[in-house]
Amino acid sequence: MKPVYLTHYKRTAFSRANPKKTEVDALAGLRGDTLLAKLIDNALQETGVGADKIDDLSVGCALSVMDQWSFGGRYPLFQSALGDQCASRSIDQQCGSGLAAMRFSSLIIASGAADIAFAGGYENMTRIPMGPALFKAGVLTVPENTAQRYTMSVAMNMGLTAEALMAKGKIGREEMDQFALSSHQRSEAARLRGYHSGEILPVDDSDGKAFDQDANIRAATTLEKLAELNPVFTEKGEITAGNSSPLTSGAAVAMLMSETAIAITGAVPTARIVACADRGTQPELMGQGVVPAIERVLAMANLRADQIDLWEINEAFSVVPLYAMNRLGLEHHNVNVNGGAIALGHPLGATGIRLAGTLSRTLHEKNGRYGIAAACIGGGQGIAMIIERL
């Protein structure tokens, strides 16, 4: 298998989504595929790679319905400068869709079937809300016979799976709130020193104003404020809006190349894709899926957890990285060092690209060698990718 390199990464700023109050979402007027097309065109401009040289496009999206259906990944291509020769596809692996898109792009380059590929992802959670609305409309359905094997009322509700994982891992409310607070503090510190702006492409909102700042960071929050929040998913629960990621809109893109393409284009790679793995787990405990995925990808690369310098573990809920840290023996100072999804937001299909792209940038910033980006996946899965700084 041929080596694969990350040569470009960019995302939009992440907005606060609200299907009932569309005015709070700066990206409400823009389709997800339109956002991705803007990122693709920017990548072509910044890298100087000709549109006709792009072999492939993989698009991650968790809810590929209504205006997020992409016609097999063609809609972002049609709205960008990419040529018709570029093959495409849409990938739904829920919250792991972005990393799954990167994995597919990596595999076709490693196999020699392509030399340059885009992996992108998007979600506009104001335009396409997750949860009950799509089921009530009949857009999404659940097979009746699944209830014979699983407690689907829990498995289909990510907050309830977080409550179950919290109980299994013996992780308390204060620990989860403290982790959430650190996410906001780290994200705000990174924002103030301009770190996030280095990966954000400003886009005009519906009023023609440049949207270039993540909208979900709560710099003024405190542990006391977080402790005052009521549980969201069950009356006596501990999962709140404060220790969960918010509804978010946004998009992200990565460009991957072979050694041959790098030699021809003169691109400067930032990281090598070392390995990627996913694993299934009990759907009612979906948040634990990152652990077996990380264990498998470490085994594939013949590495140990203590050889990984930095981690980006998606903060779907505080309990997810906390559980993984406890099980794998990780130190918090190496995990999500510039903040995570609780503060930055979690546009489902774009998150995996952000995890890997941010990880690459942070490895350079901290002079680390290896990093792992990982996410839990609704339905009971986890996905993890190892990258090496160049």
Protein backbone atom coordinates (compact mmCIF):
# COMPACT_ATOMS: atom_id res chain seq x y z
CA MET A 1 0.00 0.00 0.00
CA LYS A 2 1.25 3.47 -0.91
CA PRO A 3 1.66 6.19 1.74
CA VAL A 4 -1.03 8.87 1.96
CA TYR A 5 -0.51 12.46 3.07
CA LEU A 6 -2.70 15.30 4.31
CA THR A 7 -1.81 18.45 2.36
CA HIS A 8 -4.67 20.87 3.10
CA TYR A 9 -7.39 21.33 5.72
CA LYS A 10 -9.97 24.05 6.18
CA ARG A 11 -13.41 24.46 7.72
CA THR A 12 -16.09 27.05 8.14
CA ALA A 13 -16.67 28.60 11.52
CA PHE A 14 -19.25 26.53 13.38
CA SER A 15 -22.59 28.19 14.09
CA ARG A 16 -25.25 27.60 16.71
CA ALA A 17 -28.10 25.73 15.05
CA ASN A 18 -31.74 26.02 16.06
CA PRO A 19 -34.54 24.71 13.81
CA LYS A 20 -37.15 26.76 15.73
CA LYS A 21 -35.18 30.01 15.82
CA THR A 22 -33.38 30.11 12.49
CA GLU A 23 -32.22 33.67 13.09
CA VAL A 24 -29.64 32.49 15.65
CA ASP A 25 -27.82 30.40 13.03
CA ALA A 26 -25.52 32.47 10.81
CA LEU A 27 -25.43 29.57 8.34
CA ALA A 28 -29.18 28.91 8.23
CA GLY A 29 -29.45 30.32 4.72
CA LEU A 30 -26.72 28.10 3.26
CA ARG A 31 -27.06 24.46 2.31
CA GLY A 32 -24.38 22.10 3.58
CA ASP A 33 -23.27 21.16 0.07
CA THR A 34 -22.89 24.85 -0.76
CA LEU A 35 -20.60 25.33 2.23
CA LEU A 36 -18.49 22.37 1.17
CA ALA A 37 -18.27 23.69 -2.40
CA LYS A 38 -16.89 26.98 -1.07
CA LEU A 39 -14.22 25.08 0.88
CA ILE A 40 -13.30 22.99 -2.17
CA ASP A 41 -12.84 26.07 -4.34
CA ASN A 42 -10.74 27.70 -1.62
CA ALA A 43 -8.57 24.57 -1.41
CA LEU A 44 -7.97 24.61 -5.16
CA GLN A 45 -7.06 28.29 -5.00
CA GLU A 46 -4.74 27.98 -1.99
CA THR A 47 -2.93 24.88 -3.23
CA GLY A 48 -2.79 25.83 -6.91
CA VAL A 49 -3.87 22.30 -7.87
CA GLY A 50 -5.89 22.23 -11.08
CA ALA A 51 -9.51 21.14 -10.71
CA ASP A 52 -8.98 18.57 -13.45
CA LYS A 53 -6.29 16.87 -11.35
CA ILE A 54 -8.70 15.89 -8.55
CA ASP A 55 -9.58 12.22 -8.88
CA ASP A 56 -12.09 11.72 -6.12
CA LEU A 57 -14.44 13.31 -3.58
CA SER A 58 -15.90 11.57 -0.51
CA VAL A 59 -18.61 13.46 1.36
CA GLY A 60 -19.54 12.71 4.97
CA CYS A 61 -23.04 13.57 6.18
CA ALA A 62 -24.97 12.00 9.04
CA LEU A 63 -28.43 13.01 7.82
CA SER A 64 -28.32 12.74 4.04
CA VAL A 65 -31.99 13.60 3.59
CA MET A 66 -33.94 16.52 2.13
CA ASP A 67 -31.49 19.26 1.05
CA GLN A 68 -28.56 17.35 2.53
CA TRP A 69 -29.04 14.53 0.03
CA SER A 70 -26.06 14.98 -2.26
CA PHE A 71 -26.87 12.79 -5.31
CA GLY A 72 -23.93 10.50 -4.50
CA GLY A 73 -21.68 13.41 -3.54
CA ARG A 74 -22.31 15.21 -6.84
CA TYR A 75 -24.03 18.33 -5.51
CA PRO A 76 -20.91 19.79 -3.84
CA LEU A 77 -19.00 19.00 -7.03
CA PHE A 78 -21.61 20.69 -9.25
CA GLN A 79 -21.42 23.88 -7.17
CA SER A 80 -17.60 23.98 -7.15
CA ALA A 81 -14.89 24.22 -9.79
CA LEU A 82 -14.29 20.47 -9.72
CA GLY A 83 -14.51 18.83 -13.11
CA ASP A 84 -16.87 16.07 -14.17
CA GLN A 85 -13.98 13.58 -14.13
CA CYS A 86 -13.96 13.61 -10.32
CA ALA A 87 -15.70 10.55 -8.89
CA SER A 88 -17.76 11.07 -5.75
CA ARG A 89 -19.85 9.40 -3.10
CA SER A 90 -21.77 10.19 0.08
CA ILE A 91 -20.86 8.40 3.29
CA ASP A 92 -23.14 8.09 6.31
CA GLN A 93 -21.42 6.78 9.41
CA GLN A 94 -23.24 9.22 11.65
CA CYS A 95 -20.82 11.23 13.82
CA GLY A 96 -17.91 9.33 12.25
CA SER A 97 -18.87 10.32 8.70
CA GLY A 98 -16.04 12.83 8.25
CA LEU A 99 -13.34 10.43 9.43
CA ALA A 100 -14.95 7.69 7.33
CA ALA A 101 -14.70 9.98 4.28
CA MET A 102 -11.00 10.55 5.03
CA ARG A 103 -10.47 6.81 5.43
CA PHE A 104 -12.09 6.06 2.06
CA SER A 105 -10.05 8.74 0.33
CA SER A 106 -6.91 7.36 1.98
CA LEU A 107 -7.66 3.82 0.89
CA ILE A 108 -8.16 4.65 -2.78
CA ILE A 109 -4.89 6.60 -2.82
CA ALA A 110 -3.06 3.84 -0.93
CA SER A 111 -4.34 1.29 -3.44
CA GLY A 112 -3.09 3.34 -6.38
CA ALA A 113 -6.57 4.05 -7.76
CA ALA A 114 -6.16 7.82 -7.27
CA ASP A 115 -3.45 10.37 -6.55
CA ILE A 116 -5.40 13.38 -5.25
CA ALA A 117 -8.68 13.20 -3.34
CA PHE A 118 -10.91 15.47 -1.32
CA ALA A 119 -12.62 14.27 1.84
CA GLY A 120 -15.30 16.62 3.08
CA GLY A 121 -18.24 16.73 5.42
CA TYR A 122 -21.13 18.96 6.35
CA GLU A 123 -24.22 19.28 8.47
CA ASN A 124 -26.73 22.11 8.70
CA MET A 125 -28.68 21.23 11.81
CA THR A 126 -31.04 24.19 11.50
CA ARG A 127 -32.19 23.19 8.02
CA ILE A 128 -32.14 19.43 8.74
CA PRO A 129 -32.83 18.86 12.46
CA MET A 130 -31.84 15.61 14.09
CA GLY A 131 -34.26 13.72 16.29
CA PRO A 132 -38.03 13.39 16.50
CA ALA A 133 -39.03 15.80 13.72
CA LEU A 134 -37.67 13.60 10.93
CA PHE A 135 -39.29 10.50 12.42
CA LYS A 136 -42.65 12.23 12.79
CA ALA A 137 -42.44 13.27 9.15
CA GLY A 138 -41.66 9.70 8.10
CA VAL A 139 -38.31 10.75 6.63
CA LEU A 140 -36.54 8.40 9.04
CA THR A 141 -37.91 5.10 10.32
CA VAL A 142 -36.91 2.27 12.68
CA PRO A 143 -37.29 -1.44 11.78
CA GLU A 144 -39.77 -3.03 14.19
CA ASN A 145 -37.74 -6.19 14.81
CA THR A 146 -34.75 -4.28 16.24
CA ALA A 147 -36.66 -3.92 19.52
CA GLN A 148 -36.26 -7.68 20.04
CA ARG A 149 -32.49 -7.25 20.45
CA TYR A 150 -31.97 -3.68 21.63
CA THR A 151 -33.65 -1.05 23.76
CA MET A 152 -34.24 1.28 20.85
CA SER A 153 -35.75 4.05 22.99
CA VAL A 154 -32.25 4.37 24.48
CA ALA A 155 -30.19 3.51 21.38
CA MET A 156 -31.95 6.17 19.28
CA ASN A 157 -31.52 8.88 21.92
CA MET A 158 -27.87 9.91 22.17
CA GLY A 159 -28.46 11.64 25.50
CA LEU A 160 -29.79 8.45 27.05
CA THR A 161 -26.78 6.51 25.77
CA ALA A 162 -24.59 9.11 27.49
CA GLU A 163 -26.53 8.60 30.73
CA ALA A 164 -25.96 4.85 30.43
CA LEU A 165 -22.24 5.31 29.76
CA MET A 166 -21.95 7.66 32.71
CA ALA A 167 -23.42 4.99 34.98
CA LYS A 168 -21.23 2.24 33.55
CA GLY A 169 -18.06 4.31 33.87
CA LYS A 170 -19.00 5.65 37.32
CA ILE A 171 -18.41 9.20 36.09
CA GLY A 172 -20.13 11.94 38.08
CA ARG A 173 -21.85 15.21 37.21
CA GLU A 174 -19.11 17.42 38.65
CA GLU A 175 -16.41 15.62 36.65
CA MET A 176 -18.43 16.03 33.45
CA ASP A 177 -19.12 19.70 34.14
CA GLN A 178 -15.46 20.33 34.93
CA PHE A 179 -14.48 18.77 31.61
CA ALA A 180 -17.05 20.94 29.82
CA LEU A 181 -15.68 24.04 31.51
CA SER A 182 -12.15 23.18 30.38
CA SER A 183 -13.41 22.77 26.80
CA HIS A 184 -14.77 26.33 26.81
CA GLN A 185 -11.66 27.69 28.52
CA ARG A 186 -9.29 25.98 26.11
CA SER A 187 -11.38 26.97 23.09
CA GLU A 188 -11.51 30.59 24.18
CA ALA A 189 -7.76 30.69 24.84
CA ALA A 190 -7.14 29.24 21.38
CA ARG A 191 -9.53 31.75 19.82
CA LEU A 192 -7.87 34.70 21.52
CA ARG A 193 -4.44 33.78 20.21
CA GLY A 194 -5.83 33.28 16.71
CA TYR A 195 -5.40 29.52 16.60
CA HIS A 196 -8.85 28.66 15.23
CA SER A 197 -8.74 31.43 12.62
CA GLY A 198 -5.86 29.54 11.02
CA GLU A 199 -8.24 26.79 9.93
CA ILE A 200 -11.42 28.81 9.27
CA LEU A 201 -12.56 30.05 5.87
CA PRO A 202 -14.87 33.07 6.39
CA VAL A 203 -18.18 32.77 4.53
CA ASP A 204 -20.87 35.40 4.06
CA ASP A 205 -24.09 34.85 5.99
CA SER A 206 -27.54 35.74 4.65
CA ASP A 207 -26.95 39.38 5.60
CA GLY A 208 -23.69 39.52 3.65
CA LYS A 209 -21.57 39.65 6.79
CA ALA A 210 -18.46 37.49 7.07
CA PHE A 211 -19.01 34.62 9.50
CA ASP A 212 -15.57 33.70 10.79
CA GLN A 213 -15.88 32.99 14.54
CA ASP A 214 -17.17 29.82 16.19
CA ALA A 215 -20.48 30.76 17.80
CA ASN A 216 -20.73 28.18 20.58
CA ILE A 217 -17.81 29.11 22.85
CA ARG A 218 -19.04 30.35 26.23
CA ALA A 219 -16.05 32.18 27.66
CA ALA A 220 -17.99 33.48 30.67
CA THR A 221 -19.33 30.14 31.85
CA THR A 222 -18.33 28.81 35.26
CA LEU A 223 -18.59 25.54 37.12
CA GLU A 224 -21.35 27.11 39.22
CA LYS A 225 -23.37 28.07 36.13
CA LEU A 226 -22.96 24.60 34.67
CA ALA A 227 -24.07 23.02 37.95
CA GLU A 228 -27.33 25.00 37.85
CA LEU A 229 -28.45 23.43 34.55
CA ASN A 230 -31.21 20.84 34.69
CA PRO A 231 -30.82 17.40 33.09
CA VAL A 232 -32.15 17.25 29.55
CA PHE A 233 -32.85 13.62 28.75
CA THR A 234 -34.25 12.12 31.93
CA GLU A 235 -35.64 13.75 35.06
CA LYS A 236 -33.05 12.34 37.45
CA GLY A 237 -30.18 12.30 34.97
CA GLU A 238 -26.84 14.10 34.92
CA ILE A 239 -26.47 14.91 31.21
CA THR A 240 -27.24 18.58 30.61
CA ALA A 241 -26.97 21.07 27.78
CA GLY A 242 -23.77 22.24 29.47
CA ASN A 243 -21.90 18.93 29.34
CA SER A 244 -23.20 18.03 25.86
CA SER A 245 -22.22 19.36 22.45
CA PRO A 246 -24.68 21.89 20.98
CA LEU A 247 -26.64 21.61 17.74
CA THR A 248 -24.29 23.02 15.11
CA SER A 249 -24.01 23.87 11.42
CA GLY A 250 -20.76 23.82 9.46
CA ALA A 251 -18.54 22.11 6.91
CA ALA A 252 -14.92 21.00 6.56
CA VAL A 253 -12.60 19.65 3.87
CA ALA A 254 -9.26 17.85 3.65
CA MET A 255 -7.04 17.25 0.61
CA LEU A 256 -5.08 13.99 0.50
CA MET A 257 -2.26 13.10 -1.89
CA SER A 258 0.05 10.30 -2.89
CA GLU A 259 3.83 10.74 -3.04
CA THR A 260 3.57 10.97 -6.82
CA ALA A 261 1.08 13.83 -6.59
CA ILE A 262 3.24 15.66 -4.06
CA ALA A 263 6.24 15.40 -6.36
CA ILE A 264 4.25 16.77 -9.31
CA THR A 265 2.38 19.56 -7.51
CA GLY A 266 5.09 20.60 -5.06
CA ALA A 267 2.57 20.41 -2.22
CA VAL A 268 3.94 20.43 1.33
CA PRO A 269 2.30 17.65 3.35
CA THR A 270 1.48 18.30 7.00
CA ALA A 271 0.83 14.73 8.11
CA ARG A 272 0.87 11.11 7.03
CA ILE A 273 -2.23 8.99 7.47
CA VAL A 274 -0.91 6.01 9.44
CA ALA A 275 -4.02 3.89 10.02
CA CYS A 276 -7.76 4.07 10.55
CA ALA A 277 -10.11 1.59 12.20
CA ASP A 278 -13.70 1.35 13.35
CA ARG A 279 -15.44 -1.04 15.72
CA GLY A 280 -18.99 -1.77 16.69
CA THR A 281 -20.35 -1.75 20.22
CA GLN A 282 -23.65 -2.02 22.10
CA PRO A 283 -25.91 0.71 20.68
CA GLU A 284 -27.28 1.66 24.10
CA LEU A 285 -23.68 2.45 25.10
CA MET A 286 -22.57 3.99 21.82
CA GLY A 287 -20.15 6.42 23.52
CA GLN A 288 -17.84 3.61 24.55
CA GLY A 289 -17.17 2.82 20.89
CA VAL A 290 -14.09 5.05 20.75
CA VAL A 291 -12.23 2.67 23.08
CA PRO A 292 -12.28 -0.52 20.94
CA ALA A 293 -11.68 1.59 17.81
CA ILE A 294 -8.59 3.16 19.39
CA GLU A 295 -7.37 -0.20 20.65
CA ARG A 296 -7.70 -1.69 17.17
CA VAL A 297 -5.99 1.17 15.35
CA LEU A 298 -3.10 1.10 17.84
CA ALA A 299 -2.68 -2.62 17.20
CA MET A 300 -2.75 -2.03 13.43
CA ALA A 301 0.06 0.53 13.72
CA ASN A 302 2.01 -1.47 16.32
CA LEU A 303 1.85 1.48 18.70
CA ARG A 304 0.91 1.92 22.37
CA ALA A 305 -1.29 4.62 23.86
CA ASP A 306 1.71 6.10 25.67
CA GLN A 307 3.40 6.70 22.31
CA ILE A 308 0.60 9.01 21.18
CA ASP A 309 1.47 12.63 21.84
CA LEU A 310 -1.92 14.25 21.30
CA TRP A 311 -5.53 13.15 21.15
CA GLU A 312 -8.66 14.62 19.60
CA ILE A 313 -11.59 12.67 21.05
CA ASN A 314 -14.92 14.08 20.01
CA GLU A 315 -16.85 15.69 22.82
CA ALA A 316 -20.33 14.57 21.81
CA PHE A 317 -20.78 14.55 25.57
CA SER A 318 -18.19 15.10 28.32
CA VAL A 319 -18.62 11.49 29.38
CA VAL A 320 -17.25 10.14 26.06
CA PRO A 321 -13.65 11.43 26.32
CA LEU A 322 -13.73 10.97 30.10
CA TYR A 323 -14.65 7.30 29.70
CA ALA A 324 -11.96 6.81 27.05
CA MET A 325 -9.36 8.58 29.19
CA ASN A 326 -10.16 6.34 32.15
CA ARG A 327 -10.11 3.13 30.11
CA LEU A 328 -6.97 3.95 28.14
CA GLY A 329 -5.00 5.72 30.88
CA LEU A 330 -4.83 9.09 29.08
CA GLU A 331 -3.91 12.41 30.67
CA HIS A 332 -6.26 15.35 30.15
CA HIS A 333 -3.42 17.70 29.24
CA ASN A 334 -2.91 15.70 26.01
CA VAL A 335 -6.60 15.48 25.06
CA ASN A 336 -8.41 18.21 23.08
CA VAL A 337 -5.78 20.77 24.04
CA ASN A 338 -7.40 23.57 22.04
CA GLY A 339 -10.93 22.76 23.07
CA GLY A 340 -13.50 20.40 21.63
CA ALA A 341 -17.06 20.00 20.42
CA ILE A 342 -18.74 21.07 23.67
CA ALA A 343 -17.41 24.57 23.00
CA LEU A 344 -16.68 24.55 19.27
CA GLY A 345 -19.76 22.65 18.16
CA HIS A 346 -20.46 19.33 16.47
CA PRO A 347 -21.81 19.54 12.89
CA LEU A 348 -22.08 15.78 12.61
CA GLY A 349 -20.74 15.10 9.12
CA ALA A 350 -17.97 17.70 9.36
CA THR A 351 -16.66 16.82 12.82
CA GLY A 352 -14.32 14.00 11.78
CA ILE A 353 -12.52 16.24 9.28
CA ARG A 354 -12.12 18.88 11.98
CA LEU A 355 -10.75 16.35 14.45
CA ALA A 356 -8.05 15.13 12.07
CA GLY A 357 -7.28 18.56 10.61
CA THR A 358 -7.04 20.26 13.99
CA LEU A 359 -4.94 17.37 15.26
CA SER A 360 -2.45 17.82 12.42
CA ARG A 361 -2.14 21.53 13.16
CA THR A 362 -1.76 20.94 16.89
CA LEU A 363 0.94 18.30 16.40
CA HIS A 364 2.95 20.97 14.59
CA GLU A 365 2.20 23.54 17.26
CA LYS A 366 3.25 21.19 20.09
CA ASN A 367 6.04 19.44 18.16
CA GLY A 368 4.43 16.03 18.64
CA ARG A 369 4.88 13.04 16.37
CA TYR A 370 1.77 10.85 16.60
CA GLY A 371 -1.85 11.82 17.21
CA ILE A 372 -5.18 10.02 17.28
CA ALA A 373 -8.51 11.49 16.21
CA ALA A 374 -11.52 9.50 17.37
CA ALA A 375 -15.30 9.76 17.56
CA CYS A 376 -18.16 7.72 18.93
CA ILE A 377 -20.92 6.92 16.46
CA GLY A 378 -24.68 6.77 16.93
CA GLY A 379 -26.00 3.24 16.52
CA GLY A 380 -23.09 1.76 18.45
CA GLN A 381 -19.71 2.30 16.77
CA GLY A 382 -16.43 4.14 17.16
CA ILE A 383 -13.80 5.27 14.66
CA ALA A 384 -10.17 6.26 15.19
CA MET A 385 -7.38 7.51 12.91
CA ILE A 386 -3.66 7.79 13.61
CA ILE A 387 -1.70 10.54 11.89
CA GLU A 388 2.01 11.32 12.00
CA ARG A 389 3.38 14.85 11.83
CA LEU A 390 5.78 15.59 8.99
